Amino acid sequence: MTESTAPIPPAPAPPSANAGWAVAALLFFWPLSFSAFTHAFSVYPLWASGNVAGAQYASDRVRRLGQLSLWIFGGLLLLFAVLYAIFLVVLISQGDGMFYHHGFDHGYRGD
């Protein structure tokens, strides 16, 4: 008696842990890095236990958190630049004597 055995399909490769995105989250907006590293460290255990969909979700979540941290950093940097420009405009427009224009004292009449 011969048993017909169907070939076992190869297991899919584990998804990337996206550790680089977790590091980006750490560098650019550290509060998101806790969740990013937690998901990154759970990718392989989920895949090894057979939960391929969960491992893929964890991998995608790490990438999304890293990208979100970059967007938040960019937004905060833009906000800082706008507020700094407003501060400089207000400071210069006040003309409180801190800035000398070409070395001339505008209050001196030459009498």
PDB file of N, CA and C in Angstrom:
ATOM      1  N   MET A   1       0.833  -1.171   0.000  1.00  0.00           N
ATOM      2  CA  MET A   1       0.000   0.000   0.000  1.00  0.00           C
ATOM      3  C   MET A   1       0.877   1.232   0.000  1.00  0.00           C
ATOM      4  N   THR A   2       0.570   2.025  -0.893  1.00  0.00           N
ATOM      5  CA  THR A   2       1.319   3.276  -0.967  1.00  0.00           C
ATOM      6  C   THR A   2       0.420   4.414  -0.507  1.00  0.00           C
ATOM      7  N   GLU A   3       1.007   5.225   0.265  1.00  0.00           N
ATOM      8  CA  GLU A   3       0.271   6.401   0.732  1.00  0.00           C
ATOM      9  C   GLU A   3       0.687   7.584  -0.116  1.00  0.00           C
ATOM     10  N   SER A   4      -0.292   8.287  -0.576  1.00  0.00           N
ATOM     11  CA  SER A   4       0.044   9.474  -1.356  1.00  0.00           C
ATOM     12  C   SER A   4       0.119  10.654  -0.383  1.00  0.00           C
ATOM     13  N   THR A   5       1.234  11.236  -0.375  1.00  0.00           N
ATOM     14  CA  THR A   5       1.420  12.397   0.497  1.00  0.00           C
ATOM     15  C   THR A   5       1.568  13.636  -0.368  1.00  0.00           C
ATOM     16  N   ALA A   6       0.789  14.582  -0.054  1.00  0.00           N
ATOM     17  CA  ALA A   6       0.880  15.854  -0.781  1.00  0.00           C
ATOM     18  C   ALA A   6       2.090  16.620  -0.261  1.00  0.00           C
ATOM     19  N   PRO A   7       2.778  17.262  -1.156  1.00  0.00           N
ATOM     20  CA  PRO A   7       3.939  18.037  -0.686  1.00  0.00           C
ATOM     21  C   PRO A   7       3.477  19.154   0.252  1.00  0.00           C
ATOM     22  N   ILE A   8       4.224  19.320   1.305  1.00  0.00           N
ATOM     23  CA  ILE A   8       3.911  20.368   2.275  1.00  0.00           C
ATOM     24  C   ILE A   8       4.441  21.682   1.735  1.00  0.00           C
ATOM     25  N   PRO A   9       3.556  22.678   1.641  1.00  0.00           N
ATOM     26  CA  PRO A   9       4.041  23.965   1.137  1.00  0.00           C
ATOM     27  C   PRO A   9       5.040  24.575   2.117  1.00  0.00           C
ATOM     28  N   PRO A  10       6.028  25.242   1.586  1.00  0.00           N
ATOM     29  CA  PRO A  10       7.023  25.852   2.483  1.00  0.00           C
ATOM     30  C   PRO A  10       6.369  26.958   3.308  1.00  0.00           C
ATOM     31  N   ALA A  11       6.856  27.060   4.524  1.00  0.00           N
ATOM     32  CA  ALA A  11       6.336  28.108   5.417  1.00  0.00           C
ATOM     33  C   ALA A  11       6.777  29.468   4.890  1.00  0.00           C
ATOM     34  N   PRO A  12       5.904  30.452   4.987  1.00  0.00           N
ATOM     35  CA  PRO A  12       6.305  31.788   4.525  1.00  0.00           C
ATOM     36  C   PRO A  12       7.438  32.332   5.385  1.00  0.00           C
ATOM     37  N   ALA A  13       8.242  33.133   4.759  1.00  0.00           N
ATOM     38  CA  ALA A  13       9.356  33.747   5.491  1.00  0.00           C
ATOM     39  C   ALA A  13       8.798  34.707   6.536  1.00  0.00           C
ATOM     40  N   PRO A  14       9.499  34.851   7.638  1.00  0.00           N
ATOM     41  CA  PRO A  14       9.002  35.782   8.655  1.00  0.00           C
ATOM     42  C   PRO A  14       9.044  37.215   8.121  1.00  0.00           C
ATOM     43  N   PRO A  15       8.065  38.017   8.477  1.00  0.00           N
ATOM     44  CA  PRO A  15       8.101  39.418   8.039  1.00  0.00           C
ATOM     45  C   PRO A  15       9.234  40.166   8.737  1.00  0.00           C
ATOM     46  N   SER A  16       9.622  41.236   8.135  1.00  0.00           N
ATOM     47  CA  SER A  16      10.688  42.055   8.714  1.00  0.00           C
ATOM     48  C   SER A  16      10.226  42.635  10.038  1.00  0.00           C
ATOM     49  N   ALA A  17      11.141  42.708  10.986  1.00  0.00           N
ATOM     50  CA  ALA A  17      10.801  43.295  12.286  1.00  0.00           C
ATOM     51  C   ALA A  17      10.782  44.819  12.215  1.00  0.00           C
ATOM     52  N   ASN A  18      11.318  45.382  11.133  1.00  0.00           N
ATOM     53  CA  ASN A  18      11.365  46.843  10.958  1.00  0.00           C
ATOM     54  C   ASN A  18      12.003  47.541  12.155  1.00  0.00           C
ATOM     55  N   ALA A  19      13.116  46.998  12.600  1.00  0.00           N
ATOM     56  CA  ALA A  19      13.810  47.579  13.752  1.00  0.00           C
ATOM     57  C   ALA A  19      14.313  48.987  13.452  1.00  0.00           C
ATOM     58  N   GLY A  20      14.605  49.261  12.197  1.00  0.00           N
ATOM     59  CA  GLY A  20      15.048  50.609  11.830  1.00  0.00           C
ATOM     60  C   GLY A  20      13.976  51.657  12.089  1.00  0.00           C
ATOM     61  N   TRP A  21      12.729  51.292  11.825  1.00  0.00           N
ATOM     62  CA  TRP A  21      11.631  52.213  12.105  1.00  0.00           C
ATOM     63  C   TRP A  21      11.451  52.390  13.604  1.00  0.00           C
ATOM     64  N   ALA A  22      11.705  51.340  14.374  1.00  0.00           N
ATOM     65  CA  ALA A  22      11.614  51.470  15.832  1.00  0.00           C
ATOM     66  C   ALA A  22      12.693  52.426  16.350  1.00  0.00           C
ATOM     67  N   VAL A  23      13.876  52.339  15.773  1.00  0.00           N
ATOM     68  CA  VAL A  23      14.954  53.258  16.151  1.00  0.00           C
ATOM     69  C   VAL A  23      14.604  54.688  15.732  1.00  0.00           C
ATOM     70  N   ALA A  24      13.983  54.835  14.554  1.00  0.00           N
ATOM     71  CA  ALA A  24      13.544  56.171  14.124  1.00  0.00           C
ATOM     72  C   ALA A  24      12.527  56.742  15.116  1.00  0.00           C
ATOM     73  N   ALA A  25      11.641  55.893  15.608  1.00  0.00           N
ATOM     74  CA  ALA A  25      10.671  56.347  16.608  1.00  0.00           C
ATOM     75  C   ALA A  25      11.387  56.779  17.884  1.00  0.00           C
ATOM     76  N   LEU A  26      12.433  56.056  18.254  1.00  0.00           N
ATOM     77  CA  LEU A  26      13.198  56.403  19.447  1.00  0.00           C
ATOM     78  C   LEU A  26      13.900  57.751  19.275  1.00  0.00           C
ATOM     79  N   LEU A  27      14.471  57.983  18.109  1.00  0.00           N
ATOM     80  CA  LEU A  27      15.232  59.207  17.880  1.00  0.00           C
ATOM     81  C   LEU A  27      14.365  60.440  17.682  1.00  0.00           C
ATOM     82  N   PHE A  28      13.235  60.294  17.003  1.00  0.00           N
ATOM     83  CA  PHE A  28      12.471  61.464  16.610  1.00  0.00           C
ATOM     84  C   PHE A  28      11.272  61.765  17.494  1.00  0.00           C
ATOM     85  N   PHE A  29      10.664  60.760  18.122  1.00  0.00           N
ATOM     86  CA  PHE A  29       9.559  61.007  19.042  1.00  0.00           C
ATOM     87  C   PHE A  29       9.491  59.808  19.980  1.00  0.00           C
ATOM     88  N   TRP A  30      10.267  59.878  21.046  1.00  0.00           N
ATOM     89  CA  TRP A  30      10.506  58.714  21.896  1.00  0.00           C
ATOM     90  C   TRP A  30       9.270  58.116  22.547  1.00  0.00           C
ATOM     91  N   PRO A  31       8.186  58.849  22.825  1.00  0.00           N
ATOM     92  CA  PRO A  31       7.035  58.159  23.431  1.00  0.00           C
ATOM     93  C   PRO A  31       6.474  57.036  22.560  1.00  0.00           C
ATOM     94  N   LEU A  32       6.586  57.150  21.257  1.00  0.00           N
ATOM     95  CA  LEU A  32       6.099  56.081  20.380  1.00  0.00           C
ATOM     96  C   LEU A  32       7.051  54.896  20.318  1.00  0.00           C
ATOM     97  N   SER A  33       8.280  55.081  20.767  1.00  0.00           N
ATOM     98  CA  SER A  33       9.266  54.000  20.656  1.00  0.00           C
ATOM     99  C   SER A  33       8.934  52.814  21.557  1.00  0.00           C
ATOM    100  N   PHE A  34       8.261  53.053  22.681  1.00  0.00           N
ATOM    101  CA  PHE A  34       7.912  51.935  23.562  1.00  0.00           C
ATOM    102  C   PHE A  34       7.016  50.942  22.832  1.00  0.00           C
ATOM    103  N   SER A  35       6.001  51.449  22.184  1.00  0.00           N
ATOM    104  CA  SER A  35       5.095  50.581  21.434  1.00  0.00           C
ATOM    105  C   SER A  35       5.794  49.990  20.213  1.00  0.00           C
ATOM    106  N   ALA A  36       6.620  50.783  19.545  1.00  0.00           N
ATOM    107  CA  ALA A  36       7.310  50.298  18.348  1.00  0.00           C
ATOM    108  C   ALA A  36       8.250  49.146  18.679  1.00  0.00           C
ATOM    109  N   PHE A  37       9.034  49.282  19.737  1.00  0.00           N
ATOM    110  CA  PHE A  37       9.948  48.194  20.097  1.00  0.00           C
ATOM    111  C   PHE A  37       9.192  46.963  20.600  1.00  0.00           C
ATOM    112  N   THR A  38       8.086  47.179  21.301  1.00  0.00           N
ATOM    113  CA  THR A  38       7.287  46.037  21.760  1.00  0.00           C
ATOM    114  C   THR A  38       6.770  45.236  20.571  1.00  0.00           C
ATOM    115  N   HIS A  39       6.263  45.937  19.564  1.00  0.00           N
ATOM    116  CA  HIS A  39       5.785  45.239  18.361  1.00  0.00           C
ATOM    117  C   HIS A  39       6.944  44.602  17.603  1.00  0.00           C
ATOM    118  N   ALA A  40       8.085  45.287  17.525  1.00  0.00           N
ATOM    119  CA  ALA A  40       9.231  44.734  16.795  1.00  0.00           C
ATOM    120  C   ALA A  40       9.733  43.445  17.439  1.00  0.00           C
ATOM    121  N   PHE A  41       9.749  43.421  18.767  1.00  0.00           N
ATOM    122  CA  PHE A  41      10.225  42.223  19.454  1.00  0.00           C
ATOM    123  C   PHE A  41       9.205  41.089  19.433  1.00  0.00           C
ATOM    124  N   SER A  42       7.971  41.375  19.060  1.00  0.00           N
ATOM    125  CA  SER A  42       6.964  40.309  19.025  1.00  0.00           C
ATOM    126  C   SER A  42       6.783  39.705  17.639  1.00  0.00           C
ATOM    127  N   VAL A  43       7.450  40.233  16.628  1.00  0.00           N
ATOM    128  CA  VAL A  43       7.272  39.722  15.265  1.00  0.00           C
ATOM    129  C   VAL A  43       7.723  38.268  15.170  1.00  0.00           C
ATOM    130  N   TYR A  44       8.950  37.962  15.557  1.00  0.00           N
ATOM    131  CA  TYR A  44       9.438  36.589  15.411  1.00  0.00           C
ATOM    132  C   TYR A  44       8.692  35.594  16.298  1.00  0.00           C
ATOM    133  N   PRO A  45       8.433  35.894  17.576  1.00  0.00           N
ATOM    134  CA  PRO A  45       7.672  34.922  18.374  1.00  0.00           C
ATOM    135  C   PRO A  45       6.286  34.634  17.801  1.00  0.00           C
ATOM    136  N   LEU A  46       5.627  35.635  17.272  1.00  0.00           N
ATOM    137  CA  LEU A  46       4.324  35.409  16.655  1.00  0.00           C
ATOM    138  C   LEU A  46       4.455  34.524  15.420  1.00  0.00           C
ATOM    139  N   TRP A  47       5.460  34.792  14.603  1.00  0.00           N
ATOM    140  CA  TRP A  47       5.663  33.996  13.406  1.00  0.00           C
ATOM    141  C   TRP A  47       6.035  32.562  13.760  1.00  0.00           C
ATOM    142  N   ALA A  48       6.901  32.403  14.756  1.00  0.00           N
ATOM    143  CA  ALA A  48       7.335  31.058  15.148  1.00  0.00           C
ATOM    144  C   ALA A  48       6.189  30.236  15.727  1.00  0.00           C
ATOM    145  N   SER A  49       5.223  30.888  16.342  1.00  0.00           N
ATOM    146  CA  SER A  49       4.079  30.157  16.901  1.00  0.00           C
ATOM    147  C   SER A  49       3.015  29.865  15.841  1.00  0.00           C
ATOM    148  N   GLY A  50       3.228  30.326  14.626  1.00  0.00           N
ATOM    149  CA  GLY A  50       2.293  30.046  13.541  1.00  0.00           C
ATOM    150  C   GLY A  50       1.317  31.165  13.259  1.00  0.00           C
ATOM    151  N   ASN A  51       1.381  32.220  13.991  1.00  0.00           N
ATOM    152  CA  ASN A  51       0.473  33.361  13.791  1.00  0.00           C
ATOM    153  C   ASN A  51       1.107  34.323  12.787  1.00  0.00           C
ATOM    154  N   VAL A  52       1.026  33.937  11.511  1.00  0.00           N
ATOM    155  CA  VAL A  52       1.657  34.729  10.463  1.00  0.00           C
ATOM    156  C   VAL A  52       0.958  36.080  10.313  1.00  0.00           C
ATOM    157  N   ALA A  53      -0.362  36.092  10.408  1.00  0.00           N
ATOM    158  CA  ALA A  53      -1.102  37.354  10.273  1.00  0.00           C
ATOM    159  C   ALA A  53      -0.757  38.303  11.421  1.00  0.00           C
ATOM    160  N   GLY A  54      -0.631  37.781  12.631  1.00  0.00           N
ATOM    161  CA  GLY A  54      -0.257  38.618  13.768  1.00  0.00           C
ATOM    162  C   GLY A  54       1.148  39.168  13.628  1.00  0.00           C
ATOM    163  N   ALA A  55       2.059  38.338  13.104  1.00  0.00           N
ATOM    164  CA  ALA A  55       3.433  38.805  12.894  1.00  0.00           C
ATOM    165  C   ALA A  55       3.475  39.893  11.837  1.00  0.00           C
ATOM    166  N   GLN A  56       2.691  39.736  10.781  1.00  0.00           N
ATOM    167  CA  GLN A  56       2.652  40.756   9.732  1.00  0.00           C
ATOM    168  C   GLN A  56       2.043  42.053  10.265  1.00  0.00           C
ATOM    169  N   TYR A  57       1.005  41.929  11.096  1.00  0.00           N
ATOM    170  CA  TYR A  57       0.394  43.113  11.702  1.00  0.00           C
ATOM    171  C   TYR A  57       1.406  43.840  12.593  1.00  0.00           C
ATOM    172  N   ALA A  58       2.155  43.091  13.406  1.00  0.00           N
ATOM    173  CA  ALA A  58       3.151  43.709  14.286  1.00  0.00           C
ATOM    174  C   ALA A  58       4.231  44.410  13.465  1.00  0.00           C
ATOM    175  N   SER A  59       4.642  43.781  12.371  1.00  0.00           N
ATOM    176  CA  SER A  59       5.650  44.384  11.508  1.00  0.00           C
ATOM    177  C   SER A  59       5.129  45.671  10.871  1.00  0.00           C
ATOM    178  N   ASP A  60       3.909  45.630  10.376  1.00  0.00           N
ATOM    179  CA  ASP A  60       3.319  46.823   9.773  1.00  0.00           C
ATOM    180  C   ASP A  60       3.135  47.937  10.801  1.00  0.00           C
ATOM    181  N   ARG A  61       2.796  47.542  12.012  1.00  0.00           N
ATOM    182  CA  ARG A  61       2.579  48.527  13.085  1.00  0.00           C
ATOM    183  C   ARG A  61       3.889  49.236  13.453  1.00  0.00           C
ATOM    184  N   VAL A  62       4.989  48.508  13.468  1.00  0.00           N
ATOM    185  CA  VAL A  62       6.295  49.127  13.761  1.00  0.00           C
ATOM    186  C   VAL A  62       6.617  50.171  12.702  1.00  0.00           C
ATOM    187  N   ARG A  63       6.409  49.787  11.431  1.00  0.00           N
ATOM    188  CA  ARG A  63       6.695  50.722  10.341  1.00  0.00           C
ATOM    189  C   ARG A  63       5.803  51.962  10.448  1.00  0.00           C
ATOM    190  N   ARG A  64       4.546  51.765  10.747  1.00  0.00           N
ATOM    191  CA  ARG A  64       3.614  52.895  10.850  1.00  0.00           C
ATOM    192  C   ARG A  64       3.975  53.812  12.028  1.00  0.00           C
ATOM    193  N   LEU A  65       4.375  53.242  13.156  1.00  0.00           N
ATOM    194  CA  LEU A  65       4.756  54.062  14.308  1.00  0.00           C
ATOM    195  C   LEU A  65       6.031  54.856  14.020  1.00  0.00           C
ATOM    196  N   GLY A  66       6.975  54.248  13.312  1.00  0.00           N
ATOM    197  CA  GLY A  66       8.188  54.969  12.930  1.00  0.00           C
ATOM    198  C   GLY A  66       7.888  56.127  12.004  1.00  0.00           C
ATOM    199  N   GLN A  67       7.012  55.898  11.032  1.00  0.00           N
ATOM    200  CA  GLN A  67       6.637  56.964  10.117  1.00  0.00           C
ATOM    201  C   GLN A  67       5.864  58.059  10.849  1.00  0.00           C
ATOM    202  N   LEU A  68       4.998  57.657  11.746  1.00  0.00           N
ATOM    203  CA  LEU A  68       4.240  58.640  12.529  1.00  0.00           C
ATOM    204  C   LEU A  68       5.169  59.502  13.376  1.00  0.00           C
ATOM    205  N   SER A  69       6.204  58.901  13.936  1.00  0.00           N
ATOM    206  CA  SER A  69       7.147  59.687  14.738  1.00  0.00           C
ATOM    207  C   SER A  69       7.870  60.716  13.877  1.00  0.00           C
ATOM    208  N   LEU A  70       8.189  60.357  12.634  1.00  0.00           N
ATOM    209  CA  LEU A  70       8.824  61.330  11.738  1.00  0.00           C
ATOM    210  C   LEU A  70       7.870  62.468  11.397  1.00  0.00           C
ATOM    211  N   TRP A  71       6.609  62.160  11.162  1.00  0.00           N
ATOM    212  CA  TRP A  71       5.632  63.204  10.865  1.00  0.00           C
ATOM    213  C   TRP A  71       5.434  64.133  12.060  1.00  0.00           C
ATOM    214  N   ILE A  72       5.369  63.566  13.238  1.00  0.00           N
ATOM    215  CA  ILE A  72       5.210  64.391  14.442  1.00  0.00           C
ATOM    216  C   ILE A  72       6.424  65.288  14.630  1.00  0.00           C
ATOM    217  N   PHE A  73       7.619  64.725  14.450  1.00  0.00           N
ATOM    218  CA  PHE A  73       8.842  65.520  14.577  1.00  0.00           C
ATOM    219  C   PHE A  73       8.858  66.652  13.558  1.00  0.00           C
ATOM    220  N   GLY A  74       8.485  66.355  12.322  1.00  0.00           N
ATOM    221  CA  GLY A  74       8.441  67.388  11.286  1.00  0.00           C
ATOM    222  C   GLY A  74       7.446  68.484  11.619  1.00  0.00           C
ATOM    223  N   GLY A  75       6.279  68.089  12.142  1.00  0.00           N
ATOM    224  CA  GLY A  75       5.282  69.076  12.532  1.00  0.00           C
ATOM    225  C   GLY A  75       5.755  69.950  13.675  1.00  0.00           C
ATOM    226  N   LEU A  76       6.394  69.338  14.666  1.00  0.00           N
ATOM    227  CA  LEU A  76       6.918  70.112  15.792  1.00  0.00           C
ATOM    228  C   LEU A  76       8.046  71.036  15.357  1.00  0.00           C
ATOM    229  N   LEU A  77       8.879  70.561  14.443  1.00  0.00           N
ATOM    230  CA  LEU A  77       9.965  71.393  13.924  1.00  0.00           C
ATOM    231  C   LEU A  77       9.409  72.580  13.146  1.00  0.00           C
ATOM    232  N   LEU A  78       8.387  72.349  12.347  1.00  0.00           N
ATOM    233  CA  LEU A  78       7.750  73.435  11.604  1.00  0.00           C
ATOM    234  C   LEU A  78       7.098  74.437  12.555  1.00  0.00           C
ATOM    235  N   LEU A  79       6.428  73.944  13.581  1.00  0.00           N
ATOM    236  CA  LEU A  79       5.816  74.826  14.574  1.00  0.00           C
ATOM    237  C   LEU A  79       6.872  75.670  15.279  1.00  0.00           C
ATOM    238  N   PHE A  80       7.998  75.047  15.643  1.00  0.00           N
ATOM    239  CA  PHE A  80       9.088  75.783  16.274  1.00  0.00           C
ATOM    240  C   PHE A  80       9.625  76.870  15.346  1.00  0.00           C
ATOM    241  N   ALA A  81       9.802  76.550  14.068  1.00  0.00           N
ATOM    242  CA  ALA A  81      10.333  77.531  13.119  1.00  0.00           C
ATOM    243  C   ALA A  81       9.381  78.718  12.961  1.00  0.00           C
ATOM    244  N   VAL A  82       8.086  78.447  12.902  1.00  0.00           N
ATOM    245  CA  VAL A  82       7.108  79.527  12.757  1.00  0.00           C
ATOM    246  C   VAL A  82       7.092  80.401  14.009  1.00  0.00           C
ATOM    247  N   LEU A  83       7.079  79.777  15.178  1.00  0.00           N
ATOM    248  CA  LEU A  83       7.076  80.558  16.417  1.00  0.00           C
ATOM    249  C   LEU A  83       8.370  81.347  16.584  1.00  0.00           C
ATOM    250  N   TYR A  84       9.486  80.791  16.177  1.00  0.00           N
ATOM    251  CA  TYR A  84      10.765  81.499  16.258  1.00  0.00           C
ATOM    252  C   TYR A  84      10.776  82.697  15.317  1.00  0.00           C
ATOM    253  N   ALA A  85      10.224  82.519  14.110  1.00  0.00           N
ATOM    254  CA  ALA A  85      10.158  83.640  13.162  1.00  0.00           C
ATOM    255  C   ALA A  85       9.261  84.748  13.710  1.00  0.00           C
ATOM    256  N   ILE A  86       8.138  84.370  14.307  1.00  0.00           N
ATOM    257  CA  ILE A  86       7.251  85.376  14.908  1.00  0.00           C
ATOM    258  C   ILE A  86       7.964  86.098  16.047  1.00  0.00           C
ATOM    259  N   PHE A  87       8.706  85.361  16.859  1.00  0.00           N
ATOM    260  CA  PHE A  87       9.462  85.966  17.949  1.00  0.00           C
ATOM    261  C   PHE A  87      10.479  86.969  17.421  1.00  0.00           C
ATOM    262  N   LEU A  88      11.200  86.614  16.368  1.00  0.00           N
ATOM    263  CA  LEU A  88      12.192  87.528  15.801  1.00  0.00           C
ATOM    264  C   LEU A  88      11.545  88.767  15.210  1.00  0.00           C
ATOM    265  N   VAL A  89      10.420  88.605  14.542  1.00  0.00           N
ATOM    266  CA  VAL A  89       9.728  89.759  13.960  1.00  0.00           C
ATOM    267  C   VAL A  89       9.279  90.713  15.067  1.00  0.00           C
ATOM    268  N   VAL A  90       8.715  90.171  16.129  1.00  0.00           N
ATOM    269  CA  VAL A  90       8.271  91.015  17.238  1.00  0.00           C
ATOM    270  C   VAL A  90       9.469  91.685  17.900  1.00  0.00           C
ATOM    271  N   LEU A  91      10.532  90.953  18.107  1.00  0.00           N
ATOM    272  CA  LEU A  91      11.718  91.508  18.759  1.00  0.00           C
ATOM    273  C   LEU A  91      12.332  92.630  17.935  1.00  0.00           C
ATOM    274  N   ILE A  92      12.446  92.428  16.648  1.00  0.00           N
ATOM    275  CA  ILE A  92      13.054  93.444  15.786  1.00  0.00           C
ATOM    276  C   ILE A  92      12.132  94.652  15.642  1.00  0.00           C
ATOM    277  N   SER A  93      10.825  94.418  15.556  1.00  0.00           N
ATOM    278  CA  SER A  93       9.897  95.536  15.373  1.00  0.00           C
ATOM    279  C   SER A  93       9.795  96.407  16.621  1.00  0.00           C
ATOM    280  N   GLN A  94      10.131  95.882  17.779  1.00  0.00           N
ATOM    281  CA  GLN A  94      10.080  96.686  19.004  1.00  0.00           C
ATOM    282  C   GLN A  94      11.212  97.696  19.047  1.00  0.00           C
ATOM    283  N   GLY A  95      12.367  97.352  18.510  1.00  0.00           N
ATOM    284  CA  GLY A  95      13.495  98.276  18.463  1.00  0.00           C
ATOM    285  C   GLY A  95      13.862  98.819  19.829  1.00  0.00           C
ATOM    286  N   ASP A  96      14.142  97.972  20.768  1.00  0.00           N
ATOM    287  CA  ASP A  96      14.385  98.398  22.140  1.00  0.00           C
ATOM    288  C   ASP A  96      15.827  98.804  22.386  1.00  0.00           C
ATOM    289  N   GLY A  97      16.599  99.067  21.347  1.00  0.00           N
ATOM    290  CA  GLY A  97      17.965  99.526  21.529  1.00  0.00           C
ATOM    291  C   GLY A  97      18.977  98.396  21.608  1.00  0.00           C
ATOM    292  N   MET A  98      18.544  97.169  21.541  1.00  0.00           N
ATOM    293  CA  MET A  98      19.500  96.060  21.582  1.00  0.00           C
ATOM    294  C   MET A  98      20.246  95.932  20.263  1.00  0.00           C
ATOM    295  N   PHE A  99      19.604  96.353  19.192  1.00  0.00           N
ATOM    296  CA  PHE A  99      20.212  96.225  17.878  1.00  0.00           C
ATOM    297  C   PHE A  99      20.634  97.608  17.395  1.00  0.00           C
ATOM    298  N   TYR A 100      21.886  97.748  17.037  1.00  0.00           N
ATOM    299  CA  TYR A 100      22.381  98.999  16.490  1.00  0.00           C
ATOM    300  C   TYR A 100      22.410  98.856  14.979  1.00  0.00           C
ATOM    301  N   HIS A 101      21.824  99.806  14.308  1.00  0.00           N
ATOM    302  CA  HIS A 101      21.746  99.744  12.859  1.00  0.00           C
ATOM    303  C   HIS A 101      22.946 100.461  12.262  1.00  0.00           C
ATOM    304  N   HIS A 102      23.871  99.733  11.780  1.00  0.00           N
ATOM    305  CA  HIS A 102      25.078 100.233  11.118  1.00  0.00           C
ATOM    306  C   HIS A 102      25.889 101.163  12.010  1.00  0.00           C
ATOM    307  N   GLY A 103      25.828 100.999  13.307  1.00  0.00           N
ATOM    308  CA  GLY A 103      26.646 101.767  14.218  1.00  0.00           C
ATOM    309  C   GLY A 103      26.129 103.151  14.535  1.00  0.00           C
ATOM    310  N   PHE A 104      24.981 103.524  14.046  1.00  0.00           N
ATOM    311  CA  PHE A 104      24.445 104.859  14.303  1.00  0.00           C
ATOM    312  C   PHE A 104      23.483 104.813  15.472  1.00  0.00           C
ATOM    313  N   ASP A 105      23.569 105.815  16.324  1.00  0.00           N
ATOM    314  CA  ASP A 105      22.620 105.959  17.410  1.00  0.00           C
ATOM    315  C   ASP A 105      21.555 106.937  16.932  1.00  0.00           C
ATOM    316  N   HIS A 106      20.344 106.499  16.763  1.00  0.00           N
ATOM    317  CA  HIS A 106      19.286 107.326  16.183  1.00  0.00           C
ATOM    318  C   HIS A 106      18.845 108.441  17.129  1.00  0.00           C
ATOM    319  N   GLY A 107      19.178 108.370  18.399  1.00  0.00           N
ATOM    320  CA  GLY A 107      18.794 109.405  19.330  1.00  0.00           C
ATOM    321  C   GLY A 107      19.779 110.579  19.379  1.00  0.00           C
ATOM    322  N   TYR A 108      20.921 110.462  18.780  1.00  0.00           N
ATOM    323  CA  TYR A 108      21.957 111.495  18.811  1.00  0.00           C
ATOM    324  C   TYR A 108      21.704 112.497  17.690  1.00  0.00           C
ATOM    325  N   ARG A 109      21.636 113.802  18.071  1.00  0.00           N
ATOM    326  CA  ARG A 109      21.309 114.846  17.099  1.00  0.00           C
ATOM    327  C   ARG A 109      22.547 115.637  16.685  1.00  0.00           C
ATOM    328  N   GLY A 110      23.648 115.504  17.340  1.00  0.00           N
ATOM    329  CA  GLY A 110      24.850 116.205  16.942  1.00  0.00           C
ATOM    330  C   GLY A 110      24.974 117.614  17.493  1.00  0.00           C
ATOM    331  N   ASP A 111      24.194 118.009  18.476  1.00  0.00           N
ATOM    332  CA  ASP A 111      24.238 119.371  19.028  1.00  0.00           C
ATOM    333  C   ASP A 111      25.413 119.584  19.923  1.00  0.00           C
TER     334      ASP A 111
END
